Amino acid sequence: MRAYAARYRTLVERVREAEARKIGAGTALTEAVARYYFKLMAYKDEYEVARLHADPAFARKIEGMFEGGYQLKFHLAPPVFKQARSAHGRSAKSQFGAWMMPAFRILAKLKAPARHRSGRLRLHRGAQDRAAAHRANTRRP
């Protein structure tokens, strides 16, 4: 995990230094790179989401945050359902209730489907490819 964080920090710092050299004052480019590179790196597939939600620590944390009755609602775009596309070309998310908790526990125990030779899920290769392209594009002069 430290290497992952170091990769993020290195890229953002390199952009900050280049922006300071070229523009001087201002950090708009650095802030944009930091924000969107984080989003690309923070991508989680459905198995990771299931594992995180199935962890008993998640339930304890939620119970500690709210008093009395509360409802869990999850906004997901599971690839097993045919999804409409948003204006940005992403799968539209649907709302699911607390009944997803047992489904998360089951999914968390399953092994992820066939993996690409690099270890990435074929289904989700695009997100990691976009992160790599983002890193490459910030190296250009």
N, C-alpha and C. Protein backbone atom coordinates (compact mmCIF):
# COMPACT_ATOMS: atom_id res chain seq x y z
N MET A 1 0.82 -1.19 0.00
CA MET A 1 0.00 0.00 0.00
C MET A 1 0.87 1.26 0.00
N ARG A 2 2.00 1.20 0.65
CA ARG A 2 2.88 2.37 0.67
C ARG A 2 3.38 2.72 -0.73
N ALA A 3 3.67 1.70 -1.52
CA ALA A 3 4.14 1.94 -2.89
C ALA A 3 3.03 2.61 -3.71
N TYR A 4 1.79 2.20 -3.47
CA TYR A 4 0.65 2.78 -4.17
C TYR A 4 0.52 4.26 -3.82
N ALA A 5 0.63 4.58 -2.53
CA ALA A 5 0.57 5.97 -2.07
C ALA A 5 1.75 6.77 -2.60
N ALA A 6 2.92 6.15 -2.63
CA ALA A 6 4.12 6.84 -3.15
C ALA A 6 3.96 7.17 -4.63
N ARG A 7 3.34 6.27 -5.39
CA ARG A 7 3.12 6.52 -6.82
C ARG A 7 2.21 7.75 -6.99
N TYR A 8 1.17 7.84 -6.17
CA TYR A 8 0.26 8.99 -6.22
C TYR A 8 1.02 10.28 -5.86
N ARG A 9 1.72 10.24 -4.76
CA ARG A 9 2.45 11.42 -4.28
C ARG A 9 3.49 11.88 -5.30
N THR A 10 4.21 10.94 -5.90
CA THR A 10 5.24 11.26 -6.88
C THR A 10 4.65 11.99 -8.08
N LEU A 11 3.54 11.48 -8.60
CA LEU A 11 2.93 12.10 -9.76
C LEU A 11 2.43 13.51 -9.44
N VAL A 12 1.72 13.66 -8.33
CA VAL A 12 1.17 14.97 -7.97
C VAL A 12 2.29 15.96 -7.71
N GLU A 13 3.35 15.53 -7.06
CA GLU A 13 4.49 16.41 -6.80
C GLU A 13 5.17 16.83 -8.10
N ARG A 14 5.32 15.89 -9.03
CA ARG A 14 5.95 16.22 -10.32
C ARG A 14 5.12 17.26 -11.08
N VAL A 15 3.80 17.11 -11.04
CA VAL A 15 2.93 18.09 -11.70
C VAL A 15 3.02 19.44 -10.99
N ARG A 16 3.05 19.43 -9.66
CA ARG A 16 3.15 20.69 -8.90
C ARG A 16 4.42 21.44 -9.26
N GLU A 17 5.54 20.70 -9.35
CA GLU A 17 6.80 21.34 -9.70
C GLU A 17 6.78 21.89 -11.11
N ALA A 18 6.23 21.14 -12.05
CA ALA A 18 6.15 21.61 -13.44
C ALA A 18 5.23 22.82 -13.54
N GLU A 19 4.13 22.79 -12.82
CA GLU A 19 3.19 23.93 -12.85
C GLU A 19 3.86 25.18 -12.27
N ALA A 20 4.61 25.02 -11.21
CA ALA A 20 5.30 26.16 -10.61
C ALA A 20 6.34 26.74 -11.56
N ARG A 21 7.07 25.87 -12.29
CA ARG A 21 8.07 26.34 -13.25
C ARG A 21 7.43 27.07 -14.42
N LYS A 22 6.36 26.52 -14.96
CA LYS A 22 5.74 27.06 -16.17
C LYS A 22 4.82 28.24 -15.91
N ILE A 23 4.07 28.17 -14.81
CA ILE A 23 3.03 29.17 -14.56
C ILE A 23 3.38 30.10 -13.41
N GLY A 24 4.09 29.57 -12.42
CA GLY A 24 4.40 30.37 -11.25
C GLY A 24 3.32 30.18 -10.20
N ALA A 25 2.54 31.21 -9.98
CA ALA A 25 1.48 31.13 -8.98
C ALA A 25 0.31 30.31 -9.52
N GLY A 26 -0.40 29.70 -8.62
CA GLY A 26 -1.59 28.94 -9.01
C GLY A 26 -1.35 27.44 -8.90
N THR A 27 -2.42 26.74 -8.58
CA THR A 27 -2.31 25.30 -8.42
C THR A 27 -3.47 24.56 -9.09
N ALA A 28 -4.15 25.17 -10.02
CA ALA A 28 -5.34 24.56 -10.63
C ALA A 28 -5.02 23.22 -11.29
N LEU A 29 -3.92 23.16 -12.04
CA LEU A 29 -3.55 21.92 -12.70
C LEU A 29 -3.21 20.84 -11.67
N THR A 30 -2.41 21.20 -10.69
CA THR A 30 -2.03 20.23 -9.64
C THR A 30 -3.26 19.71 -8.93
N GLU A 31 -4.19 20.59 -8.60
CA GLU A 31 -5.41 20.16 -7.92
C GLU A 31 -6.25 19.24 -8.79
N ALA A 32 -6.33 19.52 -10.07
CA ALA A 32 -7.09 18.66 -10.98
C ALA A 32 -6.44 17.29 -11.09
N VAL A 33 -5.12 17.25 -11.24
CA VAL A 33 -4.43 15.97 -11.32
C VAL A 33 -4.61 15.20 -10.02
N ALA A 34 -4.46 15.86 -8.89
CA ALA A 34 -4.63 15.19 -7.59
C ALA A 34 -6.04 14.61 -7.46
N ARG A 35 -7.03 15.37 -7.82
CA ARG A 35 -8.43 14.93 -7.67
C ARG A 35 -8.74 13.75 -8.59
N TYR A 36 -8.41 13.88 -9.85
CA TYR A 36 -8.83 12.84 -10.80
C TYR A 36 -7.91 11.63 -10.81
N TYR A 37 -6.65 11.80 -10.49
CA TYR A 37 -5.78 10.63 -10.37
C TYR A 37 -6.21 9.81 -9.15
N PHE A 38 -6.61 10.49 -8.08
CA PHE A 38 -7.14 9.78 -6.91
C PHE A 38 -8.35 8.95 -7.31
N LYS A 39 -9.26 9.53 -8.08
CA LYS A 39 -10.45 8.80 -8.50
C LYS A 39 -10.08 7.57 -9.33
N LEU A 40 -9.11 7.72 -10.20
CA LEU A 40 -8.69 6.58 -11.01
C LEU A 40 -8.04 5.50 -10.15
N MET A 41 -7.24 5.90 -9.18
CA MET A 41 -6.55 4.93 -8.34
C MET A 41 -7.48 4.30 -7.31
N ALA A 42 -8.54 5.00 -6.94
CA ALA A 42 -9.45 4.52 -5.89
C ALA A 42 -10.46 3.51 -6.42
N TYR A 43 -10.40 3.20 -7.69
CA TYR A 43 -11.35 2.26 -8.29
C TYR A 43 -11.34 0.93 -7.53
N LYS A 44 -12.53 0.43 -7.25
CA LYS A 44 -12.65 -0.87 -6.59
C LYS A 44 -13.63 -1.72 -7.38
N ASP A 45 -13.27 -2.96 -7.62
CA ASP A 45 -14.20 -3.84 -8.31
C ASP A 45 -15.24 -4.37 -7.33
N GLU A 46 -16.23 -5.07 -7.85
CA GLU A 46 -17.34 -5.51 -7.00
C GLU A 46 -16.91 -6.48 -5.91
N TYR A 47 -15.82 -7.21 -6.11
CA TYR A 47 -15.36 -8.14 -5.09
C TYR A 47 -14.73 -7.38 -3.92
N GLU A 48 -14.02 -6.32 -4.22
CA GLU A 48 -13.44 -5.49 -3.15
C GLU A 48 -14.54 -4.75 -2.39
N VAL A 49 -15.53 -4.23 -3.10
CA VAL A 49 -16.66 -3.57 -2.43
C VAL A 49 -17.37 -4.56 -1.51
N ALA A 50 -17.61 -5.77 -2.00
CA ALA A 50 -18.27 -6.79 -1.19
C ALA A 50 -17.43 -7.13 0.04
N ARG A 51 -16.12 -7.28 -0.15
CA ARG A 51 -15.26 -7.61 0.99
C ARG A 51 -15.29 -6.52 2.06
N LEU A 52 -15.25 -5.28 1.63
CA LEU A 52 -15.28 -4.16 2.58
C LEU A 52 -16.61 -4.09 3.34
N HIS A 53 -17.72 -4.29 2.62
CA HIS A 53 -19.03 -4.22 3.27
C HIS A 53 -19.35 -5.44 4.12
N ALA A 54 -18.76 -6.58 3.80
CA ALA A 54 -19.01 -7.81 4.56
C ALA A 54 -18.20 -7.84 5.85
N ASP A 55 -17.23 -6.99 5.98
CA ASP A 55 -16.40 -6.95 7.17
C ASP A 55 -17.25 -6.52 8.37
N PRO A 56 -17.26 -7.28 9.47
CA PRO A 56 -18.05 -6.89 10.64
C PRO A 56 -17.70 -5.50 11.18
N ALA A 57 -16.50 -5.03 10.93
CA ALA A 57 -16.12 -3.68 11.36
C ALA A 57 -16.98 -2.62 10.68
N PHE A 58 -17.40 -2.88 9.45
CA PHE A 58 -18.26 -1.94 8.73
C PHE A 58 -19.59 -1.79 9.47
N ALA A 59 -20.22 -2.92 9.86
CA ALA A 59 -21.50 -2.88 10.57
C ALA A 59 -21.34 -2.16 11.91
N ARG A 60 -20.25 -2.44 12.62
CA ARG A 60 -20.02 -1.77 13.91
C ARG A 60 -19.87 -0.26 13.72
N LYS A 61 -19.16 0.14 12.68
CA LYS A 61 -18.96 1.56 12.42
C LYS A 61 -20.29 2.25 12.13
N ILE A 62 -21.12 1.62 11.30
CA ILE A 62 -22.43 2.20 10.97
C ILE A 62 -23.29 2.30 12.22
N GLU A 63 -23.32 1.23 13.01
CA GLU A 63 -24.13 1.25 14.24
C GLU A 63 -23.66 2.32 15.21
N GLY A 64 -22.37 2.59 15.23
CA GLY A 64 -21.82 3.62 16.11
C GLY A 64 -22.10 5.03 15.62
N MET A 65 -22.40 5.19 14.35
CA MET A 65 -22.63 6.52 13.77
C MET A 65 -24.08 6.98 13.92
N PHE A 66 -25.02 6.03 14.03
CA PHE A 66 -26.43 6.38 14.03
C PHE A 66 -27.14 5.80 15.23
N GLU A 67 -28.13 6.52 15.71
CA GLU A 67 -28.96 6.04 16.80
C GLU A 67 -30.31 5.62 16.24
N GLY A 68 -30.91 4.60 16.85
CA GLY A 68 -32.25 4.20 16.44
C GLY A 68 -32.30 3.63 15.05
N GLY A 69 -33.45 3.79 14.42
CA GLY A 69 -33.65 3.21 13.09
C GLY A 69 -32.91 3.95 12.00
N TYR A 70 -32.28 3.23 11.17
CA TYR A 70 -31.62 3.79 9.99
C TYR A 70 -31.76 2.77 8.87
N GLN A 71 -31.62 3.22 7.66
CA GLN A 71 -31.72 2.34 6.51
C GLN A 71 -30.42 2.39 5.71
N LEU A 72 -29.97 1.23 5.32
CA LEU A 72 -28.80 1.17 4.45
C LEU A 72 -29.27 1.18 3.01
N LYS A 73 -28.64 2.01 2.21
CA LYS A 73 -28.92 2.07 0.78
C LYS A 73 -27.60 2.09 0.05
N PHE A 74 -27.47 1.22 -0.90
CA PHE A 74 -26.24 1.11 -1.67
C PHE A 74 -26.53 1.49 -3.12
N HIS A 75 -25.68 2.32 -3.68
CA HIS A 75 -25.82 2.74 -5.07
C HIS A 75 -24.73 2.02 -5.87
N LEU A 76 -25.15 1.04 -6.64
CA LEU A 76 -24.22 0.16 -7.32
C LEU A 76 -24.56 0.02 -8.80
N ALA A 77 -23.59 -0.35 -9.57
CA ALA A 77 -23.79 -0.66 -10.99
C ALA A 77 -23.19 -2.03 -11.26
N PRO A 78 -23.83 -3.08 -10.72
CA PRO A 78 -23.24 -4.42 -10.89
C PRO A 78 -23.19 -4.83 -12.35
N PRO A 79 -22.06 -5.36 -12.79
CA PRO A 79 -21.92 -5.71 -14.20
C PRO A 79 -22.82 -6.88 -14.62
N VAL A 80 -23.37 -7.60 -13.65
CA VAL A 80 -24.24 -8.73 -14.01
C VAL A 80 -25.60 -8.26 -14.50
N PHE A 81 -25.96 -7.01 -14.20
CA PHE A 81 -27.22 -6.45 -14.68
C PHE A 81 -26.96 -5.59 -15.90
N LYS A 82 -27.79 -5.71 -16.90
CA LYS A 82 -27.67 -4.84 -18.09
C LYS A 82 -28.00 -3.43 -17.62
N GLN A 83 -27.07 -2.53 -17.76
CA GLN A 83 -27.24 -1.18 -17.24
C GLN A 83 -27.40 -0.16 -18.36
N ALA A 84 -28.23 0.82 -18.08
CA ALA A 84 -28.29 1.98 -18.96
C ALA A 84 -26.99 2.75 -18.78
N ARG A 85 -26.62 3.53 -19.74
CA ARG A 85 -25.40 4.33 -19.66
C ARG A 85 -25.73 5.76 -19.28
N SER A 86 -24.87 6.36 -18.47
CA SER A 86 -25.02 7.76 -18.12
C SER A 86 -24.56 8.62 -19.28
N ALA A 87 -24.71 9.93 -19.14
CA ALA A 87 -24.26 10.86 -20.18
C ALA A 87 -22.75 10.77 -20.39
N HIS A 88 -22.02 10.28 -19.37
CA HIS A 88 -20.56 10.15 -19.46
C HIS A 88 -20.13 8.78 -19.94
N GLY A 89 -21.10 7.93 -20.31
CA GLY A 89 -20.78 6.61 -20.83
C GLY A 89 -20.55 5.55 -19.78
N ARG A 90 -20.76 5.88 -18.51
CA ARG A 90 -20.59 4.91 -17.44
C ARG A 90 -21.91 4.21 -17.17
N SER A 91 -21.83 3.02 -16.57
CA SER A 91 -23.06 2.32 -16.20
C SER A 91 -23.82 3.14 -15.16
N ALA A 92 -25.11 3.29 -15.37
CA ALA A 92 -25.94 4.01 -14.41
C ALA A 92 -26.08 3.15 -13.15
N LYS A 93 -26.06 3.78 -11.99
CA LYS A 93 -26.16 3.05 -10.74
C LYS A 93 -27.62 2.87 -10.35
N SER A 94 -27.88 1.77 -9.67
CA SER A 94 -29.20 1.48 -9.13
C SER A 94 -29.10 1.44 -7.62
N GLN A 95 -30.21 1.69 -6.95
CA GLN A 95 -30.23 1.68 -5.49
C GLN A 95 -30.64 0.30 -4.98
N PHE A 96 -29.89 -0.20 -4.00
CA PHE A 96 -30.17 -1.49 -3.37
C PHE A 96 -30.27 -1.28 -1.87
N GLY A 97 -31.10 -2.06 -1.22
CA GLY A 97 -31.29 -1.94 0.22
C GLY A 97 -30.37 -2.83 1.03
N ALA A 98 -30.71 -2.93 2.33
CA ALA A 98 -29.90 -3.71 3.27
C ALA A 98 -29.84 -5.18 2.93
N TRP A 99 -30.76 -5.66 2.10
CA TRP A 99 -30.73 -7.07 1.69
C TRP A 99 -29.43 -7.41 0.97
N MET A 100 -28.68 -6.39 0.57
CA MET A 100 -27.40 -6.63 -0.11
C MET A 100 -26.32 -7.13 0.85
N MET A 101 -26.48 -6.91 2.15
CA MET A 101 -25.44 -7.33 3.10
C MET A 101 -25.16 -8.83 3.01
N PRO A 102 -26.18 -9.72 3.04
CA PRO A 102 -25.87 -11.14 2.86
C PRO A 102 -25.26 -11.42 1.48
N ALA A 103 -25.72 -10.70 0.46
CA ALA A 103 -25.14 -10.88 -0.88
C ALA A 103 -23.67 -10.47 -0.88
N PHE A 104 -23.33 -9.40 -0.18
CA PHE A 104 -21.93 -8.98 -0.07
C PHE A 104 -21.09 -10.06 0.60
N ARG A 105 -21.63 -10.66 1.67
CA ARG A 105 -20.88 -11.70 2.38
C ARG A 105 -20.61 -12.90 1.47
N ILE A 106 -21.60 -13.27 0.67
CA ILE A 106 -21.42 -14.38 -0.27
C ILE A 106 -20.40 -14.01 -1.34
N LEU A 107 -20.56 -12.83 -1.93
CA LEU A 107 -19.66 -12.40 -2.98
C LEU A 107 -18.22 -12.27 -2.47
N ALA A 108 -18.07 -11.82 -1.22
CA ALA A 108 -16.74 -11.65 -0.65
C ALA A 108 -16.01 -12.98 -0.52
N LYS A 109 -16.76 -14.07 -0.39
CA LYS A 109 -16.15 -15.40 -0.25
C LYS A 109 -15.78 -16.02 -1.59
N LEU A 110 -16.38 -15.53 -2.64
CA LEU A 110 -16.11 -16.07 -3.96
C LEU A 110 -14.78 -15.57 -4.49
N LYS A 111 -14.22 -16.31 -5.39
CA LYS A 111 -13.02 -15.85 -6.07
C LYS A 111 -13.45 -14.99 -7.24
N ALA A 112 -12.65 -14.01 -7.54
CA ALA A 112 -12.94 -13.14 -8.68
C ALA A 112 -12.89 -13.96 -9.96
N PRO A 113 -13.62 -13.53 -11.00
CA PRO A 113 -13.59 -14.26 -12.26
C PRO A 113 -12.22 -14.24 -12.92
N ALA A 114 -12.13 -14.89 -14.07
CA ALA A 114 -10.85 -15.04 -14.78
C ALA A 114 -10.09 -13.72 -14.83
N ARG A 115 -8.83 -13.81 -14.56
CA ARG A 115 -7.99 -12.61 -14.53
C ARG A 115 -7.12 -12.52 -15.77
N HIS A 116 -6.82 -11.31 -16.10
CA HIS A 116 -5.88 -11.03 -17.17
C HIS A 116 -4.51 -11.50 -16.71
N ARG A 117 -3.59 -11.74 -17.62
CA ARG A 117 -2.28 -12.28 -17.23
C ARG A 117 -1.54 -11.39 -16.25
N SER A 118 -1.87 -10.09 -16.21
CA SER A 118 -1.20 -9.20 -15.27
C SER A 118 -1.86 -9.22 -13.91
N GLY A 119 -2.94 -10.00 -13.76
CA GLY A 119 -3.61 -10.09 -12.47
C GLY A 119 -4.83 -9.20 -12.37
N ARG A 120 -5.05 -8.36 -13.35
CA ARG A 120 -6.21 -7.48 -13.32
C ARG A 120 -7.42 -8.21 -13.88
N LEU A 121 -8.57 -7.89 -13.36
CA LEU A 121 -9.80 -8.46 -13.91
C LEU A 121 -10.00 -7.95 -15.32
N ARG A 122 -10.29 -8.84 -16.26
CA ARG A 122 -10.54 -8.42 -17.63
C ARG A 122 -11.67 -7.40 -17.68
N LEU A 123 -12.68 -7.64 -16.87
CA LEU A 123 -13.85 -6.78 -16.85
C LEU A 123 -13.51 -5.35 -16.45
N HIS A 124 -12.48 -5.17 -15.62
CA HIS A 124 -12.17 -3.86 -15.06
C HIS A 124 -10.82 -3.31 -15.49
N ARG A 125 -10.25 -3.90 -16.52
CA ARG A 125 -8.96 -3.45 -17.01
C ARG A 125 -8.97 -1.98 -17.37
N GLY A 126 -10.08 -1.49 -17.87
CA GLY A 126 -10.16 -0.11 -18.35
C GLY A 126 -9.81 0.91 -17.30
N ALA A 127 -10.27 0.74 -16.07
CA ALA A 127 -9.99 1.72 -15.02
C ALA A 127 -8.49 1.81 -14.75
N GLN A 128 -7.83 0.68 -14.68
CA GLN A 128 -6.39 0.70 -14.43
C GLN A 128 -5.63 1.20 -15.64
N ASP A 129 -6.14 0.91 -16.83
CA ASP A 129 -5.51 1.44 -18.04
C ASP A 129 -5.63 2.96 -18.09
N ARG A 130 -6.77 3.50 -17.66
CA ARG A 130 -6.94 4.96 -17.64
C ARG A 130 -5.98 5.59 -16.63
N ALA A 131 -5.76 4.96 -15.49
CA ALA A 131 -4.81 5.48 -14.50
C ALA A 131 -3.40 5.50 -15.09
N ALA A 132 -3.03 4.44 -15.79
CA ALA A 132 -1.70 4.38 -16.42
C ALA A 132 -1.57 5.46 -17.49
N ALA A 133 -2.62 5.67 -18.27
CA ALA A 133 -2.59 6.71 -19.30
C ALA A 133 -2.47 8.09 -18.66
N HIS A 134 -3.15 8.29 -17.54
CA HIS A 134 -3.08 9.57 -16.82
C HIS A 134 -1.65 9.84 -16.38
N ARG A 135 -0.99 8.80 -15.83
CA ARG A 135 0.42 8.95 -15.42
C ARG A 135 1.29 9.28 -16.61
N ALA A 136 1.09 8.58 -17.72
CA ALA A 136 1.91 8.79 -18.91
C ALA A 136 1.70 10.19 -19.48
N ASN A 137 0.47 10.66 -19.50
CA ASN A 137 0.18 11.99 -20.06
C ASN A 137 0.79 13.10 -19.23
N THR A 138 0.97 12.91 -17.94
CA THR A 138 1.57 13.97 -17.12
C THR A 138 3.08 13.99 -17.27
N ARG A 139 3.67 12.99 -17.88
CA ARG A 139 5.11 12.97 -18.11
C ARG A 139 5.51 13.72 -19.35
N ARG A 140 4.56 13.99 -20.21
CA ARG A 140 4.87 14.69 -21.46
C ARG A 140 5.26 16.14 -21.19
N PRO A 141 6.17 16.68 -21.99
CA PRO A 141 6.60 18.08 -21.76
C PRO A 141 5.49 19.07 -22.06
